[in-house]
Amino acid sequence: MSTFDAIVIGAGQAGPSLAGRLTDAGMTVALVERKLVGGTCVNVGCMPTKTLVASARAAHVARRGADYGVLVGGPVRIDMARVKERAQTVARNARAGVEGWLKGMAGLTVIDGHARFEAPGRIRVGDRVLSAPRIFINVGARTAVPAIPGLDGVPYLTSSTILQLDRVPRHLVVIGGSYIGLEFAQMYRRFGAEVTVIERGPRLIGREDEDVSAAIRAILEDEGIAVRTGAEDIRIAPHRDGVAVAIADDAEIIGSDLLVAVGRRPNTDDLGLEAAGIATDARGYITVDEALATTAPGVWALGDCNGRGAFTHTAYNDYEIVAANLLDGADRKLSDRISAYALYIDPPLGRVGLTEAQARAGGRRIEVSTRPMTRVGRAVERGETAGFIKIVADADSRRILGAAILGIEGDEAIHGILDMMHADQPYPVLQWAVPIHPTVSELIPTVIGGLRPG
């Protein structure tokens, strides 16, 4: 048995940074990774997919060149092999950077393999048994595959395997009208594929407000993407041209390729958690308290596997909470974190805090203000005026409860509102700021000035 001061299981966003803090504090640390260092974000998530999004946007802008007085000789063509290689290069370089950092970390032992708990404080990796008084689980999540009649009988793509495509599908059918599915739908439409999105729910991205959902649907449909919502009875069968997707009694949709993008599930089912007394919920997420501690003493769970955040930035914040509490004498809590994320279609959606529907359901007296992106000088100058800005506030405390910026650079501009919410300041403080012109952020004080009881 090898004994360490701490064991980190998984080298995603939280694991390597935590290992760095622990070794800096003089601890001996083992980091166990069964697959690729860097986790989802580096290998099959943010970095490669947003690189593909950038290539797709370049094609889209090139096709619109004449709108800006720029003439391109001939139609825009896509070299999908080069597009794929560019995305893989970005991921490889990022992964190599993390690997190099870990290899040079004094006090760290990196172990390749599958970790499994044998008892409290003890794990097995192949023939090795490791023990430590502190164990940190950062194993992430993987694509969830739903039980759809006929799916087992056809080839299909996931958000991971589609990254290996070196061709543009003739017709890509996407099952799943939420964040991951919509990003790939727009991306491949811009690469030149015919695209159909099928969503079981009554509308796209159902967790967003209805006006946001409707605007996103309009953006996608304006680019030629077919959207089918309310598709509760989906059946799949092989077809000579690829795959046939039937929805209730409607005609079949014949696609050359099928992407299944209906969510993710935690990588917790083969860790032997029960041997260490680590509880999970009905979906397999590890149960944690406000400080990320599990039900087993001396064990913490960070990142996607704890169900308390499904993003790179929330995983990294989990690391920050644990490190601050263990090493800096802090008392940081999960509940201090304000929910924020983005949908990376183009234009993007930046979101922070509560939706309008959530705020109303909470029983507060609320104020709402909305302005279209046609009022934003930056959007007009760039010729990209789709979307709007919406802010929701508490009428009594005058605190911002949440906001959505669906529009050009919305994923960046939303941070001004996030920072104000984090500082817990009343909205007039931001209303009287003097933002730079011409930017998207310059309209935020105007939107705040329009807050009225809703």
Foldseek 3Di string as FASTA:
>chain_A
DAEWQEEEEAQALQRLVLVLLQVVVVTQYEYEYADAHHPCCLAQRVQLLVLLLVVLVVLVVLQCLVVVPHDDPDHDADQLQVSLVVSRVSSVVVRVVSVVVQVPRPNYHYHHAAWADQAAQWIDGVPDIYGHLAYEYEQAWFADDDDAAAPVVADAAESRRVSVDRDQWQEEEEEAQEQSRLSVQSSSVSNPHAYEYEYLAQFGRVQADPVVRVLSVVVSVVSPYHYHYNQNRWHKHADPQGIWIDGPPDHTDDTNHYYYHHDIAAPQPRRNVVNHPFDDDPRQATDAFFLQDTPGRNYGYAEPSNVLDPDSVRRNVSSVSNSCVPPVVDHGTSVLDWDWDWRPDVVIKTKTAHHPVRVVVVVFFKWKFKDFQVPAPVCVVVVWGRFIKMWMAGPPLQQTRMIMGRTHPRNPLCVVNVVSNSVVDHCVVVLPDCDDPRDPNRCVSVRSVRIDGD
